[in-house]
All heavy atoms as atom14 arrays in JSON, in Angstrom:
{
  "sequence": "QYLFDEKGRRYLDAFGGIATVNCGHCHPDVVESIVDQIKRLQHSTVL",
  "atom14_mask": [
    [1, 1, 1, 1, 1, 1, 1, 1, 1, 0, 0, 0, 0, 0],
    [1, 1, 1, 1, 1, 1, 1, 1, 1, 1, 1, 1, 0, 0],
    [1, 1, 1, 1, 1, 1, 1, 1, 0, 0, 0, 0, 0, 0],
    [1, 1, 1, 1, 1, 1, 1, 1, 1, 1, 1, 0, 0, 0],
    [1, 1, 1, 1, 1, 1, 1, 1, 0, 0, 0, 0, 0, 0],
    [1, 1, 1, 1, 1, 1, 1, 1, 1, 0, 0, 0, 0, 0],
    [1, 1, 1, 1, 1, 1, 1, 1, 1, 0, 0, 0, 0, 0],
    [1, 1, 1, 1, 0, 0, 0, 0, 0, 0, 0, 0, 0, 0],
    [1, 1, 1, 1, 1, 1, 1, 1, 1, 1, 1, 0, 0, 0],
    [1, 1, 1, 1, 1, 1, 1, 1, 1, 1, 1, 0, 0, 0],
    [1, 1, 1, 1, 1, 1, 1, 1, 1, 1, 1, 1, 0, 0],
    [1, 1, 1, 1, 1, 1, 1, 1, 0, 0, 0, 0, 0, 0],
    [1, 1, 1, 1, 1, 1, 1, 1, 0, 0, 0, 0, 0, 0],
    [1, 1, 1, 1, 1, 0, 0, 0, 0, 0, 0, 0, 0, 0],
    [1, 1, 1, 1, 1, 1, 1, 1, 1, 1, 1, 0, 0, 0],
    [1, 1, 1, 1, 0, 0, 0, 0, 0, 0, 0, 0, 0, 0],
    [1, 1, 1, 1, 0, 0, 0, 0, 0, 0, 0, 0, 0, 0],
    [1, 1, 1, 1, 1, 1, 1, 1, 0, 0, 0, 0, 0, 0],
    [1, 1, 1, 1, 1, 0, 0, 0, 0, 0, 0, 0, 0, 0],
    [1, 1, 1, 1, 1, 1, 1, 0, 0, 0, 0, 0, 0, 0],
    [1, 1, 1, 1, 1, 1, 1, 0, 0, 0, 0, 0, 0, 0],
    [1, 1, 1, 1, 1, 1, 1, 1, 0, 0, 0, 0, 0, 0],
    [1, 1, 1, 1, 1, 1, 0, 0, 0, 0, 0, 0, 0, 0],
    [1, 1, 1, 1, 0, 0, 0, 0, 0, 0, 0, 0, 0, 0],
    [1, 1, 1, 1, 1, 1, 1, 1, 1, 1, 0, 0, 0, 0],
    [1, 1, 1, 1, 1, 1, 0, 0, 0, 0, 0, 0, 0, 0],
    [1, 1, 1, 1, 1, 1, 1, 1, 1, 1, 0, 0, 0, 0],
    [1, 1, 1, 1, 1, 1, 1, 0, 0, 0, 0, 0, 0, 0],
    [1, 1, 1, 1, 1, 1, 1, 1, 0, 0, 0, 0, 0, 0],
    [1, 1, 1, 1, 1, 1, 1, 0, 0, 0, 0, 0, 0, 0],
    [1, 1, 1, 1, 1, 1, 1, 0, 0, 0, 0, 0, 0, 0],
    [1, 1, 1, 1, 1, 1, 1, 1, 1, 0, 0, 0, 0, 0],
    [1, 1, 1, 1, 1, 1, 0, 0, 0, 0, 0, 0, 0, 0],
    [1, 1, 1, 1, 1, 1, 1, 1, 0, 0, 0, 0, 0, 0],
    [1, 1, 1, 1, 1, 1, 1, 0, 0, 0, 0, 0, 0, 0],
    [1, 1, 1, 1, 1, 1, 1, 1, 0, 0, 0, 0, 0, 0],
    [1, 1, 1, 1, 1, 1, 1, 1, 1, 0, 0, 0, 0, 0],
    [1, 1, 1, 1, 1, 1, 1, 1, 0, 0, 0, 0, 0, 0],
    [1, 1, 1, 1, 1, 1, 1, 1, 1, 0, 0, 0, 0, 0],
    [1, 1, 1, 1, 1, 1, 1, 1, 1, 1, 1, 0, 0, 0],
    [1, 1, 1, 1, 1, 1, 1, 1, 0, 0, 0, 0, 0, 0],
    [1, 1, 1, 1, 1, 1, 1, 1, 1, 0, 0, 0, 0, 0],
    [1, 1, 1, 1, 1, 1, 1, 1, 1, 1, 0, 0, 0, 0],
    [1, 1, 1, 1, 1, 1, 0, 0, 0, 0, 0, 0, 0, 0],
    [1, 1, 1, 1, 1, 1, 1, 0, 0, 0, 0, 0, 0, 0],
    [1, 1, 1, 1, 1, 1, 1, 0, 0, 0, 0, 0, 0, 0],
    [1, 1, 1, 1, 1, 1, 1, 1, 0, 0, 0, 0, 0, 0]
  ],
  "atom14_positions": [
    [[13.65, -7.28, 15.18], [12.43, -7.8, 15.8], [11.89, -6.9, 16.89], [10.99, -7.3, 17.64], [12.67, -9.22, 16.37], [13.61, -9.3, 17.57], [15.05, -9.54, 17.14], [15.54, -8.9, 16.21], [15.72, -10.44, 17.82], [0.0, 0.0, 0.0], [0.0, 0.0, 0.0], [0.0, 0.0, 0.0], [0.0, 0.0, 0.0], [0.0, 0.0, 0.0]],
    [[12.37, -5.65, 16.96], [11.96, -4.75, 18.04], [11.35, -3.46, 17.5], [11.72, -2.98, 16.42], [13.15, -4.42, 18.95], [13.66, -5.61, 19.72], [14.82, -6.27, 19.32], [12.98, -6.09, 20.84], [15.28, -7.38, 20.01], [13.43, -7.19, 21.54], [14.59, -7.83, 21.12], [15.03, -8.93, 21.82], [0.0, 0.0, 0.0], [0.0, 0.0, 0.0]],
    [[10.43, -2.9, 18.28], [9.84, -1.6, 18.02], [10.09, -0.7, 19.23], [10.27, -1.19, 20.35], [8.34, -1.72, 17.76], [7.92, -2.43, 16.47], [6.42, -2.68, 16.46], [8.33, -1.63, 15.25], [0.0, 0.0, 0.0], [0.0, 0.0, 0.0], [0.0, 0.0, 0.0], [0.0, 0.0, 0.0], [0.0, 0.0, 0.0], [0.0, 0.0, 0.0]],
    [[10.07, 0.61, 18.99], [10.34, 1.59, 20.05], [9.25, 2.65, 20.06], [8.82, 3.12, 19.0], [11.71, 2.25, 19.83], [12.87, 1.29, 19.84], [13.2, 0.58, 18.69], [13.61, 1.09, 20.99], [14.26, -0.31, 18.68], [14.68, 0.2, 20.99], [15.01, -0.51, 19.84], [0.0, 0.0, 0.0], [0.0, 0.0, 0.0], [0.0, 0.0, 0.0]],
    [[8.81, 3.03, 21.26], [7.82, 4.1, 21.35], [8.49, 5.46, 21.46], [9.73, 5.57, 21.39], [6.84, 3.84, 22.51], [7.48, 3.93, 23.89], [8.62, 4.44, 24.02], [6.84, 3.5, 24.87], [0.0, 0.0, 0.0], [0.0, 0.0, 0.0], [0.0, 0.0, 0.0], [0.0, 0.0, 0.0], [0.0, 0.0, 0.0], [0.0, 0.0, 0.0]],
    [[7.68, 6.52, 21.64], [8.22, 7.88, 21.62], [9.16, 8.15, 22.78], [9.97, 9.09, 22.73], [7.06, 8.9, 21.62], [6.32, 9.05, 22.94], [5.27, 8.0, 23.17], [5.26, 6.98, 22.45], [4.45, 8.18, 24.09], [0.0, 0.0, 0.0], [0.0, 0.0, 0.0], [0.0, 0.0, 0.0], [0.0, 0.0, 0.0], [0.0, 0.0, 0.0]],
    [[9.1, 7.35, 23.83], [9.99, 7.52, 24.98], [11.23, 6.64, 24.88], [12.05, 6.63, 25.8], [9.23, 7.22, 26.26], [8.08, 8.19, 26.52], [7.34, 7.85, 27.8], [6.18, 8.82, 28.03], [5.41, 8.49, 29.26], [0.0, 0.0, 0.0], [0.0, 0.0, 0.0], [0.0, 0.0, 0.0], [0.0, 0.0, 0.0], [0.0, 0.0, 0.0]],
    [[11.35, 5.91, 23.78], [12.51, 5.05, 23.59], [12.36, 3.67, 24.2], [13.3, 2.88, 24.19], [0.0, 0.0, 0.0], [0.0, 0.0, 0.0], [0.0, 0.0, 0.0], [0.0, 0.0, 0.0], [0.0, 0.0, 0.0], [0.0, 0.0, 0.0], [0.0, 0.0, 0.0], [0.0, 0.0, 0.0], [0.0, 0.0, 0.0], [0.0, 0.0, 0.0]],
    [[11.17, 3.36, 24.73], [10.98, 2.04, 25.31], [10.93, 0.99, 24.21], [10.3, 1.18, 23.17], [9.69, 1.99, 26.13], [9.53, 0.63, 26.82], [8.26, 0.46, 27.58], [8.18, -0.89, 28.12], [7.14, -1.39, 28.77], [6.07, -0.65, 28.97], [7.17, -2.63, 29.22], [0.0, 0.0, 0.0], [0.0, 0.0, 0.0], [0.0, 0.0, 0.0]],
    [[11.57, -0.13, 24.46], [11.67, -1.2, 23.47], [10.59, -2.26, 23.7], [10.3, -2.65, 24.82], [13.06, -1.84, 23.55], [13.3, -2.98, 22.59], [14.81, -3.26, 22.44], [15.46, -3.49, 23.72], [15.82, -4.68, 24.19], [15.57, -5.77, 23.47], [16.43, -4.8, 25.34], [0.0, 0.0, 0.0], [0.0, 0.0, 0.0], [0.0, 0.0, 0.0]],
    [[10.0, -2.74, 22.58], [8.99, -3.79, 22.62], [9.4, -4.92, 21.68], [9.87, -4.66, 20.57], [7.63, -3.26, 22.17], [7.04, -2.21, 23.07], [7.4, -0.86, 22.91], [6.11, -2.53, 24.06], [6.84, 0.12, 23.73], [5.56, -1.56, 24.88], [5.93, -0.23, 24.7], [5.39, 0.74, 25.51], [0.0, 0.0, 0.0], [0.0, 0.0, 0.0]],
    [[9.18, -6.14, 22.09], [9.39, -7.29, 21.23], [8.18, -7.42, 20.31], [7.05, -7.61, 20.77], [9.54, -8.55, 22.09], [9.74, -9.86, 21.31], [11.03, -9.83, 20.5], [9.74, -11.06, 22.27], [0.0, 0.0, 0.0], [0.0, 0.0, 0.0], [0.0, 0.0, 0.0], [0.0, 0.0, 0.0], [0.0, 0.0, 0.0], [0.0, 0.0, 0.0]],
    [[8.41, -7.32, 19.01], [7.31, -7.38, 18.04], [7.07, -8.82, 17.62], [7.77, -9.35, 16.76], [7.64, -6.51, 16.83], [6.49, -6.45, 15.83], [5.42, -7.0, 16.15], [6.67, -5.86, 14.76], [0.0, 0.0, 0.0], [0.0, 0.0, 0.0], [0.0, 0.0, 0.0], [0.0, 0.0, 0.0], [0.0, 0.0, 0.0], [0.0, 0.0, 0.0]],
    [[6.08, -9.45, 18.21], [5.76, -10.83, 17.9], [4.55, -10.94, 16.97], [3.94, -11.99, 16.87], [5.51, -11.62, 19.18], [0.0, 0.0, 0.0], [0.0, 0.0, 0.0], [0.0, 0.0, 0.0], [0.0, 0.0, 0.0], [0.0, 0.0, 0.0], [0.0, 0.0, 0.0], [0.0, 0.0, 0.0], [0.0, 0.0, 0.0], [0.0, 0.0, 0.0]],
    [[4.23, -9.83, 16.31], [3.08, -9.82, 15.4], [3.41, -9.22, 14.04], [2.78, -9.54, 13.04], [1.92, -9.05, 16.04], [0.65, -9.04, 15.23], [0.09, -10.23, 14.78], [0.01, -7.85, 14.92], [-1.09, -10.23, 14.03], [-1.16, -7.84, 14.17], [-1.72, -9.04, 13.73], [0.0, 0.0, 0.0], [0.0, 0.0, 0.0], [0.0, 0.0, 0.0]],
    [[4.4, -8.36, 13.97], [4.69, -7.6, 12.75], [5.06, -8.46, 11.55], [4.94, -8.02, 10.42], [0.0, 0.0, 0.0], [0.0, 0.0, 0.0], [0.0, 0.0, 0.0], [0.0, 0.0, 0.0], [0.0, 0.0, 0.0], [0.0, 0.0, 0.0], [0.0, 0.0, 0.0], [0.0, 0.0, 0.0], [0.0, 0.0, 0.0], [0.0, 0.0, 0.0]],
    [[5.53, -9.69, 11.79], [5.89, -10.55, 10.67], [4.72, -10.84, 9.76], [4.86, -10.9, 8.54], [0.0, 0.0, 0.0], [0.0, 0.0, 0.0], [0.0, 0.0, 0.0], [0.0, 0.0, 0.0], [0.0, 0.0, 0.0], [0.0, 0.0, 0.0], [0.0, 0.0, 0.0], [0.0, 0.0, 0.0], [0.0, 0.0, 0.0], [0.0, 0.0, 0.0]],
    [[3.55, -11.05, 10.33], [2.38, -11.33, 9.52], [1.85, -10.06, 8.88], [1.18, -10.1, 7.86], [1.28, -12.01, 10.36], [0.45, -12.95, 9.49], [0.39, -11.02, 11.06], [1.18, -14.14, 8.99], [0.0, 0.0, 0.0], [0.0, 0.0, 0.0], [0.0, 0.0, 0.0], [0.0, 0.0, 0.0], [0.0, 0.0, 0.0], [0.0, 0.0, 0.0]],
    [[2.14, -8.92, 9.51], [1.66, -7.66, 8.96], [2.4, -7.33, 7.67], [1.8, -7.12, 6.63], [1.81, -6.55, 9.97], [0.0, 0.0, 0.0], [0.0, 0.0, 0.0], [0.0, 0.0, 0.0], [0.0, 0.0, 0.0], [0.0, 0.0, 0.0], [0.0, 0.0, 0.0], [0.0, 0.0, 0.0], [0.0, 0.0, 0.0], [0.0, 0.0, 0.0]],
    [[3.71, -7.28, 7.75], [4.48, -7.01, 6.53], [5.93, -7.46, 6.63], [6.57, -7.7, 5.62], [4.52, -5.5, 6.21], [4.94, -4.78, 7.36], [3.18, -5.0, 5.75], [0.0, 0.0, 0.0], [0.0, 0.0, 0.0], [0.0, 0.0, 0.0], [0.0, 0.0, 0.0], [0.0, 0.0, 0.0], [0.0, 0.0, 0.0], [0.0, 0.0, 0.0]],
    [[6.47, -7.59, 7.81], [7.93, -7.67, 7.96], [8.41, -9.1, 8.14], [8.09, -9.74, 9.13], [8.38, -6.81, 9.16], [9.88, -6.89, 9.32], [7.96, -5.37, 8.94], [0.0, 0.0, 0.0], [0.0, 0.0, 0.0], [0.0, 0.0, 0.0], [0.0, 0.0, 0.0], [0.0, 0.0, 0.0], [0.0, 0.0, 0.0], [0.0, 0.0, 0.0]],
    [[9.17, -9.61, 7.18], [9.74, -10.94, 7.29], [11.17, -10.91, 7.79], [11.54, -11.64, 8.7], [9.71, -11.65, 5.93], [8.64, -12.72, 5.86], [7.72, -12.72, 6.66], [8.77, -13.62, 4.91], [0.0, 0.0, 0.0], [0.0, 0.0, 0.0], [0.0, 0.0, 0.0], [0.0, 0.0, 0.0], [0.0, 0.0, 0.0], [0.0, 0.0, 0.0]],
    [[12.0, -10.05, 7.2], [13.43, -10.03, 7.51], [13.75, -9.27, 8.79], [14.85, -9.39, 9.32], [14.21, -9.39, 6.36], [13.98, -10.22, 4.8], [0.0, 0.0, 0.0], [0.0, 0.0, 0.0], [0.0, 0.0, 0.0], [0.0, 0.0, 0.0], [0.0, 0.0, 0.0], [0.0, 0.0, 0.0], [0.0, 0.0, 0.0], [0.0, 0.0, 0.0]],
    [[12.81, -8.47, 9.28], [13.07, -7.63, 10.45], [12.88, -6.17, 10.07], [13.12, -5.77, 8.93], [0.0, 0.0, 0.0], [0.0, 0.0, 0.0], [0.0, 0.0, 0.0], [0.0, 0.0, 0.0], [0.0, 0.0, 0.0], [0.0, 0.0, 0.0], [0.0, 0.0, 0.0], [0.0, 0.0, 0.0], [0.0, 0.0, 0.0], [0.0, 0.0, 0.0]],
    [[12.47, -5.37, 11.03], [12.24, -3.94, 10.77], [13.53, -3.28, 10.32], [14.59, -3.43, 10.94], [11.73, -3.25, 12.04], [10.36, -3.71, 12.45], [9.21, -3.26, 11.83], [9.95, -4.58, 13.42], [8.15, -3.83, 12.4], [8.58, -4.64, 13.36], [0.0, 0.0, 0.0], [0.0, 0.0, 0.0], [0.0, 0.0, 0.0], [0.0, 0.0, 0.0]],
    [[13.42, -2.53, 9.22], [14.55, -1.72, 8.72], [15.81, -2.55, 8.53], [16.92, -2.12, 8.89], [14.82, -0.54, 9.67], [13.41, 0.54, 9.9], [0.0, 0.0, 0.0], [0.0, 0.0, 0.0], [0.0, 0.0, 0.0], [0.0, 0.0, 0.0], [0.0, 0.0, 0.0], [0.0, 0.0, 0.0], [0.0, 0.0, 0.0], [0.0, 0.0, 0.0]],
    [[15.65, -3.73, 7.97], [16.84, -4.57, 7.71], [17.79, -3.79, 6.8], [17.38, -3.29, 5.75], [16.43, -5.88, 7.05], [17.55, -6.88, 7.0], [18.63, -6.73, 6.15], [17.77, -8.03, 7.71], [19.46, -7.75, 6.32], [18.96, -8.55, 7.25], [0.0, 0.0, 0.0], [0.0, 0.0, 0.0], [0.0, 0.0, 0.0], [0.0, 0.0, 0.0]],
    [[19.06, -3.68, 7.17], [19.97, -2.81, 6.42], [20.1, -3.18, 4.94], [20.23, -2.29, 4.09], [21.31, -2.96, 7.16], [21.16, -4.19, 8.0], [19.72, -4.29, 8.34], [0.0, 0.0, 0.0], [0.0, 0.0, 0.0], [0.0, 0.0, 0.0], [0.0, 0.0, 0.0], [0.0, 0.0, 0.0], [0.0, 0.0, 0.0], [0.0, 0.0, 0.0]],
    [[20.08, -4.47, 4.61], [20.21, -4.87, 3.21], [19.0, -4.43, 2.38], [19.14, -3.98, 1.24], [20.36, -6.39, 3.1], [21.71, -6.88, 3.62], [22.47, -6.06, 4.17], [21.98, -8.08, 3.48], [0.0, 0.0, 0.0], [0.0, 0.0, 0.0], [0.0, 0.0, 0.0], [0.0, 0.0, 0.0], [0.0, 0.0, 0.0], [0.0, 0.0, 0.0]],
    [[17.82, -4.56, 2.97], [16.6, -4.16, 2.27], [16.55, -2.64, 2.14], [16.21, -2.11, 1.07], [15.35, -4.69, 2.99], [14.08, -4.27, 2.25], [15.39, -6.21, 3.12], [0.0, 0.0, 0.0], [0.0, 0.0, 0.0], [0.0, 0.0, 0.0], [0.0, 0.0, 0.0], [0.0, 0.0, 0.0], [0.0, 0.0, 0.0], [0.0, 0.0, 0.0]],
    [[16.88, -1.94, 3.2], [16.9, -0.48, 3.17], [17.87, 0.03, 2.12], [17.55, 0.93, 1.32], [17.25, 0.09, 4.56], [17.48, 1.6, 4.47], [16.14, -0.21, 5.56], [0.0, 0.0, 0.0], [0.0, 0.0, 0.0], [0.0, 0.0, 0.0], [0.0, 0.0, 0.0], [0.0, 0.0, 0.0], [0.0, 0.0, 0.0], [0.0, 0.0, 0.0]],
    [[19.06, -0.56, 2.09], [20.07, -0.13, 1.12], [19.6, -0.35, -0.31], [19.8, 0.51, -1.18], [21.38, -0.89, 1.36], [22.5, -0.47, 0.43], [23.79, -1.25, 0.66], [23.77, -2.23, 1.45], [24.82, -0.9, 0.05], [0.0, 0.0, 0.0], [0.0, 0.0, 0.0], [0.0, 0.0, 0.0], [0.0, 0.0, 0.0], [0.0, 0.0, 0.0]],
    [[18.96, -1.47, -0.55], [18.46, -1.76, -1.9], [17.41, -0.74, -2.33], [17.41, -0.27, -3.47], [17.88, -3.17, -1.92], [17.36, -3.48, -3.19], [0.0, 0.0, 0.0], [0.0, 0.0, 0.0], [0.0, 0.0, 0.0], [0.0, 0.0, 0.0], [0.0, 0.0, 0.0], [0.0, 0.0, 0.0], [0.0, 0.0, 0.0], [0.0, 0.0, 0.0]],
    [[16.5, -0.39, -1.4], [15.45, 0.59, -1.71], [16.05, 1.96, -1.98], [15.69, 2.63, -2.96], [14.44, 0.66, -0.54], [13.67, -0.67, -0.42], [13.47, 1.81, -0.74], [12.87, -0.78, 0.86], [0.0, 0.0, 0.0], [0.0, 0.0, 0.0], [0.0, 0.0, 0.0], [0.0, 0.0, 0.0], [0.0, 0.0, 0.0], [0.0, 0.0, 0.0]],
    [[16.96, 2.38, -1.12], [17.57, 3.71, -1.26], [18.36, 3.8, -2.56], [18.26, 4.8, -3.3], [18.47, 4.02, -0.05], [19.27, 5.3, -0.3], [17.63, 4.16, 1.21], [0.0, 0.0, 0.0], [0.0, 0.0, 0.0], [0.0, 0.0, 0.0], [0.0, 0.0, 0.0], [0.0, 0.0, 0.0], [0.0, 0.0, 0.0], [0.0, 0.0, 0.0]],
    [[19.15, 2.78, -2.87], [19.94, 2.8, -4.1], [19.04, 2.92, -5.33], [19.35, 3.67, -6.27], [20.78, 1.52, -4.21], [21.96, 1.51, -3.26], [22.26, 2.59, -2.68], [22.57, 0.45, -3.09], [0.0, 0.0, 0.0], [0.0, 0.0, 0.0], [0.0, 0.0, 0.0], [0.0, 0.0, 0.0], [0.0, 0.0, 0.0], [0.0, 0.0, 0.0]],
    [[17.92, 2.18, -5.32], [17.03, 2.22, -6.47], [16.29, 3.55, -6.58], [16.17, 4.11, -7.67], [16.02, 1.07, -6.39], [15.04, 1.02, -7.55], [15.72, 0.89, -8.9], [16.53, -0.02, -9.1], [15.43, 1.79, -9.82], [0.0, 0.0, 0.0], [0.0, 0.0, 0.0], [0.0, 0.0, 0.0], [0.0, 0.0, 0.0], [0.0, 0.0, 0.0]],
    [[15.82, 4.06, -5.44], [15.03, 5.29, -5.5], [15.9, 6.49, -5.88], [15.4, 7.49, -6.4], [14.31, 5.53, -4.15], [13.04, 6.37, -4.38], [15.2, 6.19, -3.13], [12.1, 6.38, -3.2], [0.0, 0.0, 0.0], [0.0, 0.0, 0.0], [0.0, 0.0, 0.0], [0.0, 0.0, 0.0], [0.0, 0.0, 0.0], [0.0, 0.0, 0.0]],
    [[17.2, 6.4, -5.68], [18.11, 7.46, -6.11], [18.26, 7.48, -7.63], [18.54, 8.52, -8.22], [19.49, 7.27, -5.47], [19.57, 7.69, -4.01], [20.99, 7.47, -3.49], [21.12, 7.93, -2.04], [22.49, 7.69, -1.52], [0.0, 0.0, 0.0], [0.0, 0.0, 0.0], [0.0, 0.0, 0.0], [0.0, 0.0, 0.0], [0.0, 0.0, 0.0]],
    [[18.07, 6.32, -8.24], [18.26, 6.22, -9.69], [16.95, 6.39, -10.45], [16.88, 7.15, -11.41], [18.89, 4.88, -10.05], [20.3, 4.7, -9.53], [20.88, 3.37, -9.98], [20.92, 3.28, -11.44], [21.93, 3.75, -12.19], [22.95, 4.36, -11.62], [21.89, 3.62, -13.5], [0.0, 0.0, 0.0], [0.0, 0.0, 0.0], [0.0, 0.0, 0.0]],
    [[15.91, 5.64, -10.02], [14.63, 5.69, -10.72], [13.55, 5.22, -9.77], [13.57, 4.08, -9.31], [14.66, 4.8, -11.97], [13.42, 4.83, -12.85], [13.24, 6.2, -13.49], [13.51, 3.74, -13.93], [0.0, 0.0, 0.0], [0.0, 0.0, 0.0], [0.0, 0.0, 0.0], [0.0, 0.0, 0.0], [0.0, 0.0, 0.0], [0.0, 0.0, 0.0]],
    [[12.6, 6.1, -9.49], [11.54, 5.76, -8.55], [10.42, 4.98, -9.22], [9.88, 4.04, -8.65], [10.98, 7.03, -7.9], [9.85, 6.76, -6.9], [9.42, 8.03, -6.23], [10.05, 9.07, -6.36], [8.32, 7.96, -5.49], [0.0, 0.0, 0.0], [0.0, 0.0, 0.0], [0.0, 0.0, 0.0], [0.0, 0.0, 0.0], [0.0, 0.0, 0.0]],
    [[10.06, 5.38, -10.43], [8.94, 4.7, -11.07], [9.04, 4.78, -12.58], [9.34, 5.82, -13.15], [7.61, 5.32, -10.64], [6.43, 4.75, -11.37], [6.05, 3.44, -11.22], [5.59, 5.29, -12.29], [5.0, 3.2, -12.0], [4.71, 4.29, -12.66], [0.0, 0.0, 0.0], [0.0, 0.0, 0.0], [0.0, 0.0, 0.0], [0.0, 0.0, 0.0]],
    [[8.81, 3.64, -13.19], [8.56, 3.61, -14.64], [7.64, 2.43, -14.87], [7.73, 1.4, -14.2], [9.86, 3.41, -15.43], [10.39, 2.13, -15.19], [0.0, 0.0, 0.0], [0.0, 0.0, 0.0], [0.0, 0.0, 0.0], [0.0, 0.0, 0.0], [0.0, 0.0, 0.0], [0.0, 0.0, 0.0], [0.0, 0.0, 0.0], [0.0, 0.0, 0.0]],
    [[6.74, 2.55, -15.79], [5.79, 1.48, -16.03], [6.45, 0.34, -16.79], [7.56, 0.47, -17.31], [4.59, 1.99, -16.86], [5.03, 2.2, -18.19], [4.04, 3.27, -16.27], [0.0, 0.0, 0.0], [0.0, 0.0, 0.0], [0.0, 0.0, 0.0], [0.0, 0.0, 0.0], [0.0, 0.0, 0.0], [0.0, 0.0, 0.0], [0.0, 0.0, 0.0]],
    [[5.74, -0.78, -16.88], [6.28, -1.92, -17.61], [6.28, -1.69, -19.12], [6.68, -2.57, -19.89], [5.48, -3.2, -17.28], [5.75, -3.65, -15.87], [4.0, -2.99, -17.51], [0.0, 0.0, 0.0], [0.0, 0.0, 0.0], [0.0, 0.0, 0.0], [0.0, 0.0, 0.0], [0.0, 0.0, 0.0], [0.0, 0.0, 0.0], [0.0, 0.0, 0.0]],
    [[5.85, -0.51, -19.56], [5.96, -0.17, -20.98], [7.41, 0.02, -21.39], [7.75, -0.01, -22.57], [5.16, 1.11, -21.27], [3.65, 1.02, -21.04], [3.03, 2.4, -21.23], [3.01, 0.02, -22.0], [0.0, 0.0, 0.0], [0.0, 0.0, 0.0], [0.0, 0.0, 0.0], [0.0, 0.0, 0.0], [0.0, 0.0, 0.0], [0.0, 0.0, 0.0]]
  ]
}
């Protein structure tokens, strides 16, 4: 639930949930799932 600026200052993000983030920024489970998939196959159509 936090964001950091270029100086390392921490901010409480009370708006990002509506923008895109439900589980939290860079949630490890979501990141791991994306990385694992992109290592195997980045894109294929529904064909």
